[in-house]
Amino acid sequence: MKVLTFAVVFLACYCCVTLSSSTPKKCTQPGLFCETCSSLVACIESANSTFIKEPINTCDSPSSCVGGTCVMNTTDPFCSGLADLKFICRHVGIFPDPFYCNKFVICVDTGSNSLQPYVNECEDGFQYNIFNSLCDIKLVDGECREGIYPVPLCRLHGQSTALAAKPQMYYVCERYSESKDVLYPVQNVCPGGQVYENYVCGKDTFTTAVPTMKTEQTIFS
C-alpha cells in the first residue's frame, strides 16, 4: 500500500502544473475578446484563418473583463480569484477541477487523516472526461467553452447535486474557510459506487441533475 501511495504521489507531482487565470487566451473567432481578466482585445482574422490581436482597453481594478466588456463586482470564477483557490479534498480519488475543463485533481492520503490535492492538466487540445477519468475529449478550437464549467457554479449555501457524467460523485456548496467567505463546490463520492440524489447516497437510479438548494446566499458575501 505504501508503494502504491508513493507511486500515486510521484505521478501527481510529476504532472502538477501551475496555471493562472491571467494566462492569455487564444483568439478562436473574430470580434472583441477578453484575453485576460484585465485586457480587452480585438481578434482580427486574416485570409489564411490566423488571428491578430489588437489591444482595445485595460480594465482597471476593481473592474474585470468579462464577456467582451469591463464590468464591476464580477462573479466570474476566474476573474474573482475563486478558480485559483486550493482544491478541497474530502475523499481519496480523482476529481474534475471545478472550473477548468482541461484539469483534474488527484486527492492523496498523506497520513494522519490528511488529504493533499495535486492539480494536473490534460495534454494540449483535450478536456478531462469525468465519466472515465481520462483526457480524451477533444476541445473545440483548443479552448474550454466560456461559461461552461465541469461543476455547476455555487449560488446558494447547501446547493448540491450529483455530477451528471458520474452520479456516484457529487458536490455541496460550502463556505471556503473562516477567513475566505466565498462559496466553493466541495466534491465527494458515495461509498461502494452508490448513486447520489437529494443528499442521499444509495439510490439505484439517477433521475435528476437539477441542483438541490438550501439557504439563499450569493457567491460572495
C-alpha atoms as a PDB file:
ATOM      1  CA  MET A   1       0.000   0.000   0.000  1.00  0.00           C
ATOM      2  CA  LYS A   2       2.851   2.398   0.824  1.00  0.00           C
ATOM      3  CA  VAL A   3       4.480   1.631  -2.537  1.00  0.00           C
ATOM      4  CA  LEU A   4       1.201   2.351  -4.335  1.00  0.00           C
ATOM      5  CA  THR A   5       0.720   5.592  -2.418  1.00  0.00           C
ATOM      6  CA  PHE A   6       4.262   6.684  -3.263  1.00  0.00           C
ATOM      7  CA  ALA A   7       3.676   5.903  -6.937  1.00  0.00           C
ATOM      8  CA  VAL A   8       0.495   7.961  -6.986  1.00  0.00           C
ATOM      9  CA  VAL A   9       2.178  10.889  -5.246  1.00  0.00           C
ATOM     10  CA  PHE A  10       5.133  10.720  -7.639  1.00  0.00           C
ATOM     11  CA  LEU A  11       2.868  10.640 -10.674  1.00  0.00           C
ATOM     12  CA  ALA A  12       0.778  13.504  -9.334  1.00  0.00           C
ATOM     13  CA  CYS A  13       3.819  15.650  -8.584  1.00  0.00           C
ATOM     14  CA  TYR A  14       5.312  14.895 -11.998  1.00  0.00           C
ATOM     15  CA  CYS A  15       2.119  16.034 -13.712  1.00  0.00           C
ATOM     16  CA  CYS A  16       1.452  19.019 -11.470  1.00  0.00           C
ATOM     17  CA  VAL A  17       1.053  22.346 -13.172  1.00  0.00           C
ATOM     18  CA  THR A  18       0.776  25.899 -12.006  1.00  0.00           C
ATOM     19  CA  LEU A  19      -1.579  27.814 -14.259  1.00  0.00           C
ATOM     20  CA  SER A  20      -3.108  31.186 -13.593  1.00  0.00           C
ATOM     21  CA  SER A  21      -6.474  32.567 -14.600  1.00  0.00           C
ATOM     22  CA  SER A  22      -4.475  35.508 -16.012  1.00  0.00           C
ATOM     23  CA  THR A  23      -2.900  33.286 -18.696  1.00  0.00           C
ATOM     24  CA  PRO A  24      -3.690  34.951 -22.069  1.00  0.00           C
ATOM     25  CA  LYS A  25      -6.368  33.158 -24.084  1.00  0.00           C
ATOM     26  CA  LYS A  26      -6.190  32.444 -27.801  1.00  0.00           C
ATOM     27  CA  CYS A  27      -8.402  34.042 -30.415  1.00  0.00           C
ATOM     28  CA  THR A  28     -10.810  31.484 -31.883  1.00  0.00           C
ATOM     29  CA  GLN A  29     -13.181  33.791 -33.760  1.00  0.00           C
ATOM     30  CA  PRO A  30     -13.212  37.418 -34.940  1.00  0.00           C
ATOM     31  CA  GLY A  31     -14.523  40.134 -32.645  1.00  0.00           C
ATOM     32  CA  LEU A  32     -13.986  41.639 -29.202  1.00  0.00           C
ATOM     33  CA  PHE A  33     -12.472  39.218 -26.735  1.00  0.00           C
ATOM     34  CA  CYS A  34     -11.235  39.174 -23.121  1.00  0.00           C
ATOM     35  CA  GLU A  35      -7.648  37.988 -23.478  1.00  0.00           C
ATOM     36  CA  THR A  36      -7.213  38.088 -19.693  1.00  0.00           C
ATOM     37  CA  CYS A  37      -9.308  39.348 -16.795  1.00  0.00           C
ATOM     38  CA  SER A  38      -7.885  42.828 -17.349  1.00  0.00           C
ATOM     39  CA  SER A  39      -7.260  43.135 -21.098  1.00  0.00           C
ATOM     40  CA  LEU A  40      -9.817  43.566 -23.887  1.00  0.00           C
ATOM     41  CA  VAL A  41      -8.563  42.885 -27.405  1.00  0.00           C
ATOM     42  CA  ALA A  42      -9.977  42.701 -30.918  1.00  0.00           C
ATOM     43  CA  CYS A  43      -9.364  39.411 -32.712  1.00  0.00           C
ATOM     44  CA  ILE A  44      -8.709  40.180 -36.388  1.00  0.00           C
ATOM     45  CA  GLU A  45      -8.939  37.151 -38.686  1.00  0.00           C
ATOM     46  CA  SER A  46      -6.678  37.105 -41.753  1.00  0.00           C
ATOM     47  CA  ALA A  47      -7.273  35.411 -45.099  1.00  0.00           C
ATOM     48  CA  ASN A  48      -5.317  32.318 -44.022  1.00  0.00           C
ATOM     49  CA  SER A  49      -7.538  31.884 -40.922  1.00  0.00           C
ATOM     50  CA  THR A  50      -4.887  33.067 -38.474  1.00  0.00           C
ATOM     51  CA  PHE A  51      -5.606  35.802 -35.934  1.00  0.00           C
ATOM     52  CA  ILE A  52      -4.005  39.093 -34.977  1.00  0.00           C
ATOM     53  CA  LYS A  53      -4.721  40.617 -31.556  1.00  0.00           C
ATOM     54  CA  GLU A  54      -5.262  44.370 -31.357  1.00  0.00           C
ATOM     55  CA  PRO A  55      -5.281  45.843 -27.802  1.00  0.00           C
ATOM     56  CA  ILE A  56      -8.517  47.766 -27.163  1.00  0.00           C
ATOM     57  CA  ASN A  57      -8.769  48.513 -23.447  1.00  0.00           C
ATOM     58  CA  THR A  58      -7.441  47.667 -19.997  1.00  0.00           C
ATOM     59  CA  CYS A  59      -9.951  47.038 -17.226  1.00  0.00           C
ATOM     60  CA  ASP A  60      -8.612  48.751 -14.117  1.00  0.00           C
ATOM     61  CA  SER A  61      -9.238  47.157 -10.713  1.00  0.00           C
ATOM     62  CA  PRO A  62     -11.787  46.562  -9.285  1.00  0.00           C
ATOM     63  CA  SER A  63     -13.385  46.030 -12.711  1.00  0.00           C
ATOM     64  CA  SER A  64     -12.706  42.886 -14.766  1.00  0.00           C
ATOM     65  CA  CYS A  65     -13.013  41.958 -18.422  1.00  0.00           C
ATOM     66  CA  VAL A  66     -15.925  39.528 -18.787  1.00  0.00           C
ATOM     67  CA  GLY A  67     -17.880  38.746 -21.947  1.00  0.00           C
ATOM     68  CA  GLY A  68     -16.035  41.338 -24.007  1.00  0.00           C
ATOM     69  CA  THR A  69     -16.531  44.311 -21.674  1.00  0.00           C
ATOM     70  CA  CYS A  70     -15.274  45.763 -18.373  1.00  0.00           C
ATOM     71  CA  VAL A  71     -17.656  45.003 -15.502  1.00  0.00           C
ATOM     72  CA  MET A  72     -17.687  45.631 -11.751  1.00  0.00           C
ATOM     73  CA  ASN A  73     -18.135  43.048  -8.984  1.00  0.00           C
ATOM     74  CA  THR A  74     -17.905  40.043 -11.264  1.00  0.00           C
ATOM     75  CA  THR A  75     -18.857  36.553 -10.112  1.00  0.00           C
ATOM     76  CA  ASP A  76     -16.773  35.037 -12.901  1.00  0.00           C
ATOM     77  CA  PRO A  77     -14.696  32.349 -11.085  1.00  0.00           C
ATOM     78  CA  PHE A  78     -11.518  33.156 -12.995  1.00  0.00           C
ATOM     79  CA  CYS A  79     -11.563  36.920 -12.586  1.00  0.00           C
ATOM     80  CA  SER A  80     -12.809  36.833  -8.986  1.00  0.00           C
ATOM     81  CA  GLY A  81      -9.962  34.510  -7.945  1.00  0.00           C
ATOM     82  CA  LEU A  82     -12.307  31.663  -6.987  1.00  0.00           C
ATOM     83  CA  ALA A  83     -10.849  29.330  -9.618  1.00  0.00           C
ATOM     84  CA  ASP A  84      -7.352  29.745  -8.184  1.00  0.00           C
ATOM     85  CA  LEU A  85      -8.232  28.720  -4.619  1.00  0.00           C
ATOM     86  CA  LYS A  86      -6.692  25.474  -3.403  1.00  0.00           C
ATOM     87  CA  PHE A  87      -8.900  22.471  -4.156  1.00  0.00           C
ATOM     88  CA  ILE A  88     -10.616  20.991  -1.081  1.00  0.00           C
ATOM     89  CA  CYS A  89     -10.187  17.206  -0.801  1.00  0.00           C
ATOM     90  CA  ARG A  90     -12.762  15.211   1.155  1.00  0.00           C
ATOM     91  CA  HIS A  91     -12.056  11.744  -0.266  1.00  0.00           C
ATOM     92  CA  VAL A  92      -9.180   9.865  -1.903  1.00  0.00           C
ATOM     93  CA  GLY A  93      -9.642   9.725  -5.658  1.00  0.00           C
ATOM     94  CA  ILE A  94      -9.600  11.636  -8.929  1.00  0.00           C
ATOM     95  CA  PHE A  95     -11.927  14.612  -9.350  1.00  0.00           C
ATOM     96  CA  PRO A  96     -12.550  17.179 -12.082  1.00  0.00           C
ATOM     97  CA  ASP A  97     -11.282  20.668 -11.439  1.00  0.00           C
ATOM     98  CA  PRO A  98     -14.483  22.611 -10.683  1.00  0.00           C
ATOM     99  CA  PHE A  99     -13.646  25.420 -13.108  1.00  0.00           C
ATOM    100  CA  TYR A 100     -11.031  24.375 -15.688  1.00  0.00           C
ATOM    101  CA  CYS A 101     -12.322  21.802 -18.193  1.00  0.00           C
ATOM    102  CA  ASN A 102      -8.798  20.631 -19.022  1.00  0.00           C
ATOM    103  CA  LYS A 103      -7.668  19.955 -15.444  1.00  0.00           C
ATOM    104  CA  PHE A 104      -8.248  17.239 -12.870  1.00  0.00           C
ATOM    105  CA  VAL A 105      -7.224  16.785  -9.250  1.00  0.00           C
ATOM    106  CA  ILE A 106      -5.772  13.714  -7.537  1.00  0.00           C
ATOM    107  CA  CYS A 107      -6.557  13.638  -3.807  1.00  0.00           C
ATOM    108  CA  VAL A 108      -3.952  11.581  -1.958  1.00  0.00           C
ATOM    109  CA  ASP A 109      -3.934  10.412   1.676  1.00  0.00           C
ATOM    110  CA  THR A 110      -0.647  11.679   3.093  1.00  0.00           C
ATOM    111  CA  GLY A 111      -1.222  10.140   6.528  1.00  0.00           C
ATOM    112  CA  SER A 112      -2.796  11.285   9.795  1.00  0.00           C
ATOM    113  CA  ASN A 113      -6.146  11.677   8.010  1.00  0.00           C
ATOM    114  CA  SER A 114      -4.676  14.415   5.842  1.00  0.00           C
ATOM    115  CA  LEU A 115      -5.617  14.656   2.161  1.00  0.00           C
ATOM    116  CA  GLN A 116      -3.454  16.555  -0.306  1.00  0.00           C
ATOM    117  CA  PRO A 117      -4.703  17.784  -3.719  1.00  0.00           C
ATOM    118  CA  TYR A 118      -2.445  17.554  -6.771  1.00  0.00           C
ATOM    119  CA  VAL A 119      -3.685  19.537  -9.759  1.00  0.00           C
ATOM    120  CA  ASN A 120      -2.938  18.106 -13.199  1.00  0.00           C
ATOM    121  CA  GLU A 121      -3.520  19.367 -16.726  1.00  0.00           C
ATOM    122  CA  CYS A 122      -4.547  17.383 -19.805  1.00  0.00           C
ATOM    123  CA  GLU A 123      -2.329  17.480 -22.859  1.00  0.00           C
ATOM    124  CA  ASP A 124      -2.938  20.384 -25.230  1.00  0.00           C
ATOM    125  CA  GLY A 125      -6.217  20.216 -27.089  1.00  0.00           C
ATOM    126  CA  PHE A 126      -8.017  17.807 -24.770  1.00  0.00           C
ATOM    127  CA  GLN A 127     -10.582  18.051 -21.992  1.00  0.00           C
ATOM    128  CA  TYR A 128     -10.917  15.890 -18.894  1.00  0.00           C
ATOM    129  CA  ASN A 129     -13.667  13.263 -19.189  1.00  0.00           C
ATOM    130  CA  ILE A 130     -15.455  12.883 -15.842  1.00  0.00           C
ATOM    131  CA  PHE A 131     -17.100   9.622 -16.920  1.00  0.00           C
ATOM    132  CA  ASN A 132     -13.907   7.609 -17.480  1.00  0.00           C
ATOM    133  CA  SER A 133     -11.304   9.816 -15.726  1.00  0.00           C
ATOM    134  CA  LEU A 134      -9.314  10.227 -18.944  1.00  0.00           C
ATOM    135  CA  CYS A 135      -8.302  13.240 -21.023  1.00  0.00           C
ATOM    136  CA  ASP A 136      -9.981  12.033 -24.211  1.00  0.00           C
ATOM    137  CA  ILE A 137     -12.484  14.761 -25.147  1.00  0.00           C
ATOM    138  CA  LYS A 138     -11.145  16.941 -27.943  1.00  0.00           C
ATOM    139  CA  LEU A 139     -11.553  20.658 -27.327  1.00  0.00           C
ATOM    140  CA  VAL A 140     -13.169  22.867 -29.956  1.00  0.00           C
ATOM    141  CA  ASP A 141     -10.506  25.318 -31.152  1.00  0.00           C
ATOM    142  CA  GLY A 142      -8.291  24.020 -28.338  1.00  0.00           C
ATOM    143  CA  GLU A 143     -10.103  26.059 -25.663  1.00  0.00           C
ATOM    144  CA  CYS A 144     -12.626  25.346 -22.897  1.00  0.00           C
ATOM    145  CA  ARG A 145     -16.068  26.737 -23.679  1.00  0.00           C
ATOM    146  CA  GLU A 146     -16.616  30.082 -21.962  1.00  0.00           C
ATOM    147  CA  GLY A 147     -19.264  29.981 -19.250  1.00  0.00           C
ATOM    148  CA  ILE A 148     -19.405  26.161 -19.155  1.00  0.00           C
ATOM    149  CA  TYR A 149     -17.884  24.544 -16.044  1.00  0.00           C
ATOM    150  CA  PRO A 150     -17.217  20.903 -15.033  1.00  0.00           C
ATOM    151  CA  VAL A 151     -19.073  21.531 -11.755  1.00  0.00           C
ATOM    152  CA  PRO A 152     -22.008  23.994 -11.543  1.00  0.00           C
ATOM    153  CA  LEU A 153     -21.193  27.373 -10.025  1.00  0.00           C
ATOM    154  CA  CYS A 154     -22.367  27.858  -6.462  1.00  0.00           C
ATOM    155  CA  ARG A 155     -25.248  30.274  -5.998  1.00  0.00           C
ATOM    156  CA  LEU A 156     -26.553  29.201  -2.583  1.00  0.00           C
ATOM    157  CA  HIS A 157     -25.271  27.644   0.627  1.00  0.00           C
ATOM    158  CA  GLY A 158     -26.007  23.918   0.546  1.00  0.00           C
ATOM    159  CA  GLN A 159     -26.593  23.786  -3.205  1.00  0.00           C
ATOM    160  CA  SER A 160     -25.918  20.176  -4.146  1.00  0.00           C
ATOM    161  CA  THR A 161     -26.363  17.617  -6.909  1.00  0.00           C
ATOM    162  CA  ALA A 162     -24.619  14.642  -8.462  1.00  0.00           C
ATOM    163  CA  LEU A 163     -22.244  15.191 -11.365  1.00  0.00           C
ATOM    164  CA  ALA A 164     -24.253  14.373 -14.477  1.00  0.00           C
ATOM    165  CA  ALA A 165     -21.453  12.372 -16.115  1.00  0.00           C
ATOM    166  CA  LYS A 166     -20.820  10.289 -12.985  1.00  0.00           C
ATOM    167  CA  PRO A 167     -23.741  10.327 -10.486  1.00  0.00           C
ATOM    168  CA  GLN A 168     -21.688   8.498  -7.845  1.00  0.00           C
ATOM    169  CA  MET A 169     -19.847  11.807  -7.427  1.00  0.00           C
ATOM    170  CA  TYR A 170     -21.448  14.948  -6.053  1.00  0.00           C
ATOM    171  CA  TYR A 171     -20.723  18.427  -4.766  1.00  0.00           C
ATOM    172  CA  VAL A 172     -22.027  20.579  -1.910  1.00  0.00           C
ATOM    173  CA  CYS A 173     -21.567  24.362  -1.875  1.00  0.00           C
ATOM    174  CA  GLU A 174     -19.844  25.360   1.358  1.00  0.00           C
ATOM    175  CA  ARG A 175     -18.075  28.378   2.818  1.00  0.00           C
ATOM    176  CA  TYR A 176     -14.456  28.024   1.705  1.00  0.00           C
ATOM    177  CA  SER A 177     -12.898  28.890   5.068  1.00  0.00           C
ATOM    178  CA  GLU A 178     -13.280  31.125   8.098  1.00  0.00           C
ATOM    179  CA  SER A 179     -11.017  33.711   6.509  1.00  0.00           C
ATOM    180  CA  LYS A 180     -12.351  33.312   2.951  1.00  0.00           C
ATOM    181  CA  ASP A 181     -16.096  33.875   2.935  1.00  0.00           C
ATOM    182  CA  VAL A 182     -16.898  32.590  -0.550  1.00  0.00           C
ATOM    183  CA  LEU A 183     -18.950  29.626  -1.725  1.00  0.00           C
ATOM    184  CA  TYR A 184     -16.949  26.693  -3.083  1.00  0.00           C
ATOM    185  CA  PRO A 185     -18.239  23.440  -4.658  1.00  0.00           C
ATOM    186  CA  VAL A 186     -16.687  20.766  -2.421  1.00  0.00           C
ATOM    187  CA  GLN A 187     -16.708  17.399  -4.185  1.00  0.00           C
ATOM    188  CA  ASN A 188     -17.111  13.951  -2.673  1.00  0.00           C
ATOM    189  CA  VAL A 189     -18.059  10.429  -3.744  1.00  0.00           C
ATOM    190  CA  CYS A 190     -20.644   7.968  -2.453  1.00  0.00           C
ATOM    191  CA  PRO A 191     -19.289   4.714  -0.944  1.00  0.00           C
ATOM    192  CA  GLY A 192     -19.473   1.481  -2.911  1.00  0.00           C
ATOM    193  CA  GLY A 193     -20.434   3.123  -6.168  1.00  0.00           C
ATOM    194  CA  GLN A 194     -23.810   4.248  -4.839  1.00  0.00           C
ATOM    195  CA  VAL A 195     -25.664   7.000  -6.677  1.00  0.00           C
ATOM    196  CA  TYR A 196     -26.206  10.423  -5.080  1.00  0.00           C
ATOM    197  CA  GLU A 197     -29.509  12.276  -5.132  1.00  0.00           C
ATOM    198  CA  ASN A 198     -31.051  14.859  -2.789  1.00  0.00           C
ATOM    199  CA  TYR A 199     -28.371  14.463  -0.094  1.00  0.00           C
ATOM    200  CA  VAL A 200     -28.730  10.658  -0.113  1.00  0.00           C
ATOM    201  CA  CYS A 201     -26.191   8.039  -1.240  1.00  0.00           C
ATOM    202  CA  GLY A 202     -27.727   4.721  -2.179  1.00  0.00           C
ATOM    203  CA  LYS A 203     -30.216   5.398  -4.941  1.00  0.00           C
ATOM    204  CA  ASP A 204     -30.267   2.675  -7.595  1.00  0.00           C
ATOM    205  CA  THR A 205     -31.070   5.077 -10.418  1.00  0.00           C
ATOM    206  CA  PHE A 206     -30.264   8.681 -11.185  1.00  0.00           C
ATOM    207  CA  THR A 207     -33.307  10.772 -12.068  1.00  0.00           C
ATOM    208  CA  THR A 208     -32.255  14.410 -11.945  1.00  0.00           C
ATOM    209  CA  ALA A 209     -29.253  16.705 -12.262  1.00  0.00           C
ATOM    210  CA  VAL A 210     -31.069  19.836 -11.092  1.00  0.00           C
ATOM    211  CA  PRO A 211     -29.119  21.367  -8.167  1.00  0.00           C
ATOM    212  CA  THR A 212     -30.747  20.988  -4.759  1.00  0.00           C
ATOM    213  CA  MET A 213     -30.589  24.228  -2.805  1.00  0.00           C
ATOM    214  CA  LYS A 214     -30.991  25.300   0.807  1.00  0.00           C
ATOM    215  CA  THR A 215     -30.382  28.707   2.398  1.00  0.00           C
ATOM    216  CA  GLU A 216     -30.091  31.580  -0.067  1.00  0.00           C
ATOM    217  CA  GLN A 217     -26.605  33.069  -0.317  1.00  0.00           C
ATOM    218  CA  THR A 218     -24.681  34.798  -3.068  1.00  0.00           C
ATOM    219  CA  ILE A 219     -21.245  33.583  -4.142  1.00  0.00           C
ATOM    220  CA  PHE A 220     -19.569  36.424  -2.296  1.00  0.00           C
ATOM    221  CA  SER A 221     -20.910  37.842   0.942  1.00  0.00           C
END
